[in-house]
Amino acid sequence: MRFQAFPAARQWLHAAVLGTALGCASSAMAQSEMTRLLVAFPPGGPVDFIARTMSQQLAKELGHPVIVENKPGANGAIAADSVIRSAPDGKTLWLTSVGAVAINPALYPKLNYKPASDLVPVSLVVNNVEIMVVNAQTSFKDAKDFVQAASQRKDKPMTMASSGTGSVPHLAAIQLNESAGLNLMHVPYKGAAPAITDLMAGHVDGFFGDIPGLVGAIDSGKFRPVGIAAAKRSARYPNVPTFDELGYKGVDSNNWYAVFAPKGTSAPVAAALSRAIHAALHAPDVQRKIEASGAEVVGSSPEALAQQLATDTDKWTAIIRRNRITPD
């Protein structure tokens, strides 16, 4: 006897097949969904390290792959242009350091993007406070010794290396100049690596840099840390005093990294991304790896990042204009 489906059964079967097909399509769509995390620096650098350290855990939080894309060049403008041209759907994000969003607008009058209006703040990621170091062969025990020697140098000013004109290390040195009434000679390099090399060789007297980039030289005894440019001491180097503790007010430089989305990204999407980033950063393995590098894990609300961006933009713009700094 051949089975003959009743109309109701045929309708149920059709619905089941259709539901299965839709489910497969939905699954395929979910599998093809991904978030691009753009980095305006080459692979292997400190920003790239943070991006790749958090990306795998962030993918778990978001439920789909997170792909790190390196778009170096033009002081961040290439990555910024790619971000601001992307759909505001939360699938294209920019992990950047403070320079590209809070310093470049004052340094480059014809910048092709405006951080305050072209980007939506999502979350602070890490703090990278500046630490001042000297060659360990010198007699300077702390920044006060350095300042005293610099103030007594009449014939030839002491030199302060930086990773480039308008960089955070350069601006931190200016803060020290202004606070201590010094006239340190600025020696700009094309990046931190050659500046560090020349400090090791004794060709320059001092250098401000992000802690992660100096951990190796400090821990190996090549450099002596003499001051922290922050409101509080570093957890990595708790015995190094802040400049404020040493009597030099206003030496406060934080090369933070943060995530931004394109203009038009909705507040709910930005808030959801912020929560996912916070959770990813505070996963034990991720946090441990980042803090071992010397960076401080943060994770913040979009509102907190917006406030940090406004505050630092005002601070760095004032220093750049007051000192008439122009790009090399």
Protein backbone atom coordinates (compact mmCIF):
# COMPACT_ATOMS: atom_id res chain seq x y z
CA MET A 1 0.00 0.00 0.00
CA ARG A 2 1.48 3.31 -1.13
CA PHE A 3 1.62 6.08 1.44
CA GLN A 4 -0.42 9.16 0.50
CA ALA A 5 0.18 12.31 2.50
CA PHE A 6 -2.81 14.24 3.65
CA PRO A 7 -2.86 17.99 2.72
CA ALA A 8 -2.01 19.01 6.27
CA ALA A 9 0.96 16.64 6.31
CA ARG A 10 2.19 17.98 2.97
CA GLN A 11 2.00 21.53 4.35
CA TRP A 12 3.99 20.48 7.43
CA LEU A 13 6.64 18.76 5.28
CA HIS A 14 6.95 21.81 3.01
CA ALA A 15 7.35 24.06 6.05
CA ALA A 16 9.99 21.75 7.53
CA VAL A 17 12.01 21.68 4.29
CA LEU A 18 11.71 25.44 3.88
CA GLY A 19 12.73 25.97 7.50
CA THR A 20 15.77 23.75 7.04
CA ALA A 21 16.77 25.69 3.92
CA LEU A 22 16.37 29.00 5.67
CA GLY A 23 18.34 27.71 8.63
CA CYS A 24 21.19 26.65 6.36
CA ALA A 25 21.16 30.03 4.65
CA SER A 26 21.17 31.79 8.00
CA SER A 27 24.08 29.64 9.16
CA ALA A 28 26.03 30.40 5.98
CA MET A 29 25.41 34.11 6.46
CA ALA A 30 26.61 33.90 10.06
CA GLN A 31 29.74 32.07 8.96
CA SER A 32 30.52 34.69 6.30
CA GLU A 33 30.02 37.60 8.71
CA MET A 34 33.21 39.17 10.00
CA THR A 35 34.64 42.34 11.56
CA ARG A 36 37.67 44.10 10.11
CA LEU A 37 39.99 45.67 12.67
CA LEU A 38 42.22 48.15 10.85
CA VAL A 39 45.68 49.08 12.17
CA ALA A 40 47.59 52.04 10.72
CA PHE A 41 50.97 50.43 11.39
CA PRO A 42 52.95 47.52 9.91
CA PRO A 43 52.76 44.02 11.40
CA GLY A 44 54.91 43.43 14.46
CA GLY A 45 54.56 46.89 16.02
CA PRO A 46 52.96 47.67 19.39
CA VAL A 47 49.51 48.60 18.02
CA ASP A 48 49.51 45.49 15.85
CA PHE A 49 50.48 43.42 18.90
CA ILE A 50 47.47 44.71 20.85
CA ALA A 51 45.15 44.13 17.88
CA ARG A 52 46.24 40.55 17.41
CA THR A 53 46.30 39.80 21.13
CA MET A 54 42.68 40.85 21.58
CA SER A 55 41.23 39.83 18.19
CA GLN A 56 40.75 36.11 18.86
CA GLN A 57 38.90 36.71 22.13
CA LEU A 58 36.94 39.57 20.57
CA ALA A 59 35.80 37.15 17.87
CA LYS A 60 34.39 34.89 20.60
CA GLU A 61 32.57 37.82 22.17
CA LEU A 62 31.08 38.93 18.84
CA GLY A 63 30.32 35.43 17.58
CA HIS A 64 32.15 35.79 14.27
CA PRO A 65 35.74 36.21 12.99
CA VAL A 66 37.73 39.38 13.59
CA ILE A 67 40.35 40.00 10.92
CA VAL A 68 43.28 42.35 11.61
CA GLU A 69 44.21 44.41 8.54
CA ASN A 70 47.38 46.51 8.47
CA LYS A 71 47.06 49.77 6.54
CA PRO A 72 50.20 51.74 7.36
CA GLY A 73 51.25 55.07 5.90
CA ALA A 74 50.54 58.80 5.81
CA ASN A 75 50.55 59.08 9.62
CA GLY A 76 47.33 57.10 9.91
CA ALA A 77 45.47 58.83 7.07
CA ILE A 78 45.30 55.71 4.88
CA ALA A 79 43.61 53.65 7.59
CA ALA A 80 41.38 56.58 8.56
CA ASP A 81 40.23 57.04 4.97
CA SER A 82 39.33 53.35 4.73
CA VAL A 83 37.33 53.55 7.94
CA ILE A 84 35.38 56.71 7.15
CA ARG A 85 34.39 55.27 3.75
CA SER A 86 33.05 52.06 5.31
CA ALA A 87 29.44 51.26 6.10
CA PRO A 88 28.44 52.31 9.65
CA ASP A 89 27.39 48.80 10.59
CA GLY A 90 30.02 48.03 13.22
CA LYS A 91 31.89 45.63 10.92
CA THR A 92 34.82 47.97 10.17
CA LEU A 93 36.73 49.31 13.16
CA TRP A 94 39.95 51.29 13.60
CA LEU A 95 42.40 50.57 16.40
CA THR A 96 44.61 53.65 16.59
CA SER A 97 47.02 55.39 18.90
CA VAL A 98 46.34 58.87 20.25
CA GLY A 99 48.50 60.61 17.64
CA ALA A 100 46.27 59.99 14.64
CA VAL A 101 43.13 61.30 16.35
CA ALA A 102 44.22 63.89 18.95
CA ILE A 103 47.54 65.24 17.59
CA ASN A 104 47.35 65.05 13.79
CA PRO A 105 44.45 67.52 13.44
CA ALA A 106 46.63 70.30 14.89
CA LEU A 107 49.84 69.11 13.26
CA TYR A 108 48.42 68.71 9.75
CA PRO A 109 46.01 71.54 8.85
CA LYS A 110 44.94 69.79 5.60
CA LEU A 111 44.21 66.43 7.18
CA ASN A 112 41.69 64.47 5.09
CA TYR A 113 39.62 63.42 8.08
CA LYS A 114 38.18 65.06 11.18
CA PRO A 115 38.18 62.69 14.14
CA ALA A 116 35.51 64.58 16.06
CA SER A 117 32.98 64.38 13.22
CA ASP A 118 34.09 61.51 10.97
CA LEU A 119 34.52 58.88 13.67
CA VAL A 120 32.38 57.37 16.41
CA PRO A 121 34.22 56.56 19.66
CA VAL A 122 33.82 52.94 20.74
CA SER A 123 36.30 52.09 23.51
CA LEU A 124 39.65 52.88 25.00
CA VAL A 125 41.81 49.77 24.79
CA VAL A 126 45.08 50.38 26.64
CA ASN A 127 47.02 53.17 28.30
CA ASN A 128 50.68 53.58 27.35
CA VAL A 129 52.09 56.22 29.66
CA GLU A 130 55.43 57.74 28.74
CA ILE A 131 58.48 56.89 30.80
CA MET A 132 61.70 58.89 30.59
CA VAL A 133 64.89 56.87 30.32
CA VAL A 134 68.60 57.64 30.26
CA ASN A 135 71.63 55.53 29.48
CA ALA A 136 72.37 53.39 32.53
CA GLN A 137 76.01 54.45 32.37
CA THR A 138 75.12 58.02 33.37
CA SER A 139 74.96 59.24 36.93
CA PHE A 140 71.33 60.40 36.79
CA LYS A 141 69.29 58.56 39.40
CA ASP A 142 65.99 60.28 38.65
CA ALA A 143 64.57 63.08 36.53
CA LYS A 144 65.49 65.67 39.17
CA ASP A 145 69.19 64.85 38.65
CA PHE A 146 68.69 65.15 34.90
CA VAL A 147 66.92 68.51 35.19
CA GLN A 148 69.57 69.88 37.52
CA ALA A 149 72.34 68.90 35.09
CA ALA A 150 70.42 70.35 32.15
CA SER A 151 69.81 73.66 33.93
CA GLN A 152 73.55 74.00 34.64
CA ARG A 153 74.60 73.23 31.07
CA LYS A 154 75.39 76.65 29.58
CA ASP A 155 77.64 75.88 26.63
CA LYS A 156 75.75 73.03 25.00
CA PRO A 157 72.12 72.06 25.78
CA MET A 158 71.31 68.49 26.69
CA THR A 159 69.57 66.49 24.01
CA MET A 160 66.23 64.70 24.07
CA ALA A 161 65.51 62.14 21.35
CA SER A 162 62.02 61.51 20.01
CA SER A 163 60.36 59.17 17.53
CA GLY A 164 59.51 62.15 15.32
CA THR A 165 58.33 65.73 15.33
CA GLY A 166 54.88 65.97 16.87
CA SER A 167 55.06 62.48 18.35
CA VAL A 168 54.00 61.82 21.94
CA PRO A 169 57.67 61.49 23.05
CA HIS A 170 58.41 64.90 21.49
CA LEU A 171 55.43 66.54 23.18
CA ALA A 172 56.31 64.92 26.53
CA ALA A 173 59.79 66.46 26.28
CA ILE A 174 58.19 69.85 25.62
CA GLN A 175 56.05 69.39 28.73
CA LEU A 176 59.25 68.81 30.72
CA ASN A 177 60.89 71.85 29.10
CA GLU A 178 57.96 74.06 30.06
CA SER A 179 57.52 72.66 33.56
CA ALA A 180 61.20 72.75 34.54
CA GLY A 181 62.16 75.87 32.58
CA LEU A 182 64.66 73.97 30.42
CA ASN A 183 65.87 74.32 26.88
CA LEU A 184 66.47 70.70 25.93
CA MET A 185 67.52 70.24 22.31
CA HIS A 186 65.03 68.12 20.39
CA VAL A 187 66.58 65.39 18.20
CA PRO A 188 63.84 63.80 16.07
CA TYR A 189 64.22 60.33 14.56
CA LYS A 190 62.10 58.37 12.12
CA GLY A 191 60.61 56.07 14.70
CA ALA A 192 61.49 54.94 18.21
CA ALA A 193 63.99 52.23 17.21
CA PRO A 194 66.78 54.55 15.95
CA ALA A 195 66.23 56.90 18.90
CA ILE A 196 66.66 53.99 21.31
CA THR A 197 69.78 52.84 19.45
CA ASP A 198 71.39 56.27 19.74
CA LEU A 199 70.53 56.54 23.43
CA MET A 200 72.23 53.18 24.00
CA ALA A 201 75.27 54.49 22.14
CA GLY A 202 75.37 57.67 24.22
CA HIS A 203 74.68 59.99 21.29
CA VAL A 204 71.68 61.61 23.02
CA ASP A 205 70.98 62.29 26.70
CA GLY A 206 67.39 61.18 27.23
CA PHE A 207 64.24 59.77 25.67
CA PHE A 208 60.54 59.59 26.48
CA GLY A 209 58.85 56.44 25.23
CA ASP A 210 55.94 54.07 25.73
CA ILE A 211 56.72 51.56 28.46
CA PRO A 212 56.11 48.49 26.21
CA GLY A 213 58.77 49.69 23.78
CA LEU A 214 61.35 50.15 26.54
CA VAL A 215 60.76 47.13 28.79
CA GLY A 216 63.56 45.12 27.22
CA ALA A 217 66.21 47.85 27.52
CA ILE A 218 65.15 48.72 31.07
CA ASP A 219 64.97 45.16 32.34
CA SER A 220 68.32 44.29 30.78
CA GLY A 221 69.98 47.21 32.55
CA LYS A 222 70.81 49.25 29.44
CA PHE A 223 68.43 52.08 30.35
CA ARG A 224 67.59 53.64 33.70
CA PRO A 225 64.00 54.88 34.08
CA VAL A 226 63.99 58.28 35.78
CA GLY A 227 60.39 59.50 35.68
CA ILE A 228 56.82 58.55 34.80
CA ALA A 229 54.78 61.06 32.79
CA ALA A 230 51.45 60.18 34.40
CA ALA A 231 49.29 60.96 37.40
CA LYS A 232 50.22 57.69 39.10
CA ARG A 233 53.17 55.32 39.13
CA SER A 234 53.43 52.42 36.72
CA ALA A 235 52.44 48.96 37.94
CA ARG A 236 55.37 47.60 35.93
CA TYR A 237 57.90 50.00 37.54
CA PRO A 238 56.41 51.00 40.90
CA ASN A 239 59.71 52.36 42.21
CA VAL A 240 59.97 55.01 39.49
CA PRO A 241 58.46 58.33 40.68
CA THR A 242 56.10 60.43 38.62
CA PHE A 243 57.23 63.86 37.45
CA ASP A 244 54.54 65.35 39.65
CA GLU A 245 56.11 63.67 42.69
CA LEU A 246 59.47 65.14 41.70
CA GLY A 247 57.98 68.63 41.56
CA TYR A 248 57.39 69.01 37.81
CA LYS A 249 53.71 69.64 37.19
CA GLY A 250 51.97 69.00 33.90
CA VAL A 251 54.28 66.30 32.54
CA ASP A 252 51.48 63.90 31.70
CA SER A 253 51.62 62.02 28.40
CA ASN A 254 49.56 58.95 27.58
CA ASN A 255 49.88 57.32 24.16
CA TRP A 256 46.60 55.46 24.56
CA TYR A 257 45.12 53.13 21.96
CA ALA A 258 41.41 53.12 21.21
CA VAL A 259 38.82 51.73 18.81
CA PHE A 260 36.71 53.97 16.58
CA ALA A 261 33.93 53.22 14.08
CA PRO A 262 32.73 55.17 11.02
CA LYS A 263 30.43 58.18 11.32
CA GLY A 264 26.81 57.10 11.42
CA THR A 265 27.39 54.02 13.58
CA SER A 266 24.46 53.94 15.99
CA ALA A 267 24.83 54.37 19.73
CA PRO A 268 23.47 50.85 20.46
CA VAL A 269 25.99 49.29 18.05
CA ALA A 270 28.87 51.30 19.54
CA ALA A 271 27.79 50.33 23.06
CA ALA A 272 27.57 46.63 22.15
CA LEU A 273 31.03 46.75 20.58
CA SER A 274 32.37 48.52 23.65
CA ARG A 275 31.04 45.77 25.92
CA ALA A 276 32.56 43.08 23.71
CA ILE A 277 35.95 44.83 23.67
CA HIS A 278 35.90 45.25 27.45
CA ALA A 279 35.12 41.57 27.92
CA ALA A 280 37.85 40.53 25.46
CA LEU A 281 40.49 42.71 27.10
CA HIS A 282 39.68 41.39 30.57
CA ALA A 283 39.78 37.73 29.60
CA PRO A 284 42.57 36.42 31.88
CA ASP A 285 44.95 35.28 29.11
CA VAL A 286 44.53 38.47 27.10
CA GLN A 287 44.93 40.77 30.09
CA ARG A 288 47.97 38.88 31.34
CA LYS A 289 49.69 39.03 27.95
CA ILE A 290 49.02 42.74 27.46
CA GLU A 291 50.07 43.74 30.96
CA ALA A 292 53.27 41.68 30.62
CA SER A 293 54.18 44.00 27.75
CA GLY A 294 53.94 47.03 30.05
CA ALA A 295 50.65 48.42 28.74
CA GLU A 296 47.66 49.01 31.04
CA VAL A 297 44.40 47.31 30.03
CA VAL A 298 41.45 49.69 30.06
CA GLY A 299 38.25 49.06 28.11
CA SER A 300 35.79 51.94 28.41
CA SER A 301 32.41 53.24 27.39
CA PRO A 302 32.07 55.24 24.15
CA GLU A 303 31.33 58.30 26.29
CA ALA A 304 34.57 57.93 28.26
CA LEU A 305 36.59 57.67 25.03
CA ALA A 306 34.85 60.73 23.61
CA GLN A 307 35.80 62.71 26.72
CA GLN A 308 39.40 61.46 26.58
CA LEU A 309 39.65 62.43 22.92
CA ALA A 310 38.31 65.94 23.56
CA THR A 311 40.61 66.49 26.55
CA ASP A 312 43.75 65.30 24.78
CA THR A 313 42.92 67.14 21.55
CA ASP A 314 42.73 70.41 23.51
CA LYS A 315 45.94 69.63 25.45
CA TRP A 316 48.08 68.68 22.46
CA THR A 317 46.68 71.40 20.21
CA ALA A 318 47.64 74.03 22.78
CA ILE A 319 51.21 72.69 23.03
CA ILE A 320 51.61 72.44 19.25
CA ARG A 321 50.39 75.97 18.66
CA ARG A 322 52.27 77.49 21.58
CA ASN A 323 55.52 75.98 20.37
CA ARG A 324 54.78 76.47 16.66
CA ILE A 325 55.43 72.84 15.85
CA THR A 326 55.19 71.86 12.20
CA PRO A 327 55.77 68.44 10.61
CA ASP A 328 59.20 67.56 9.23
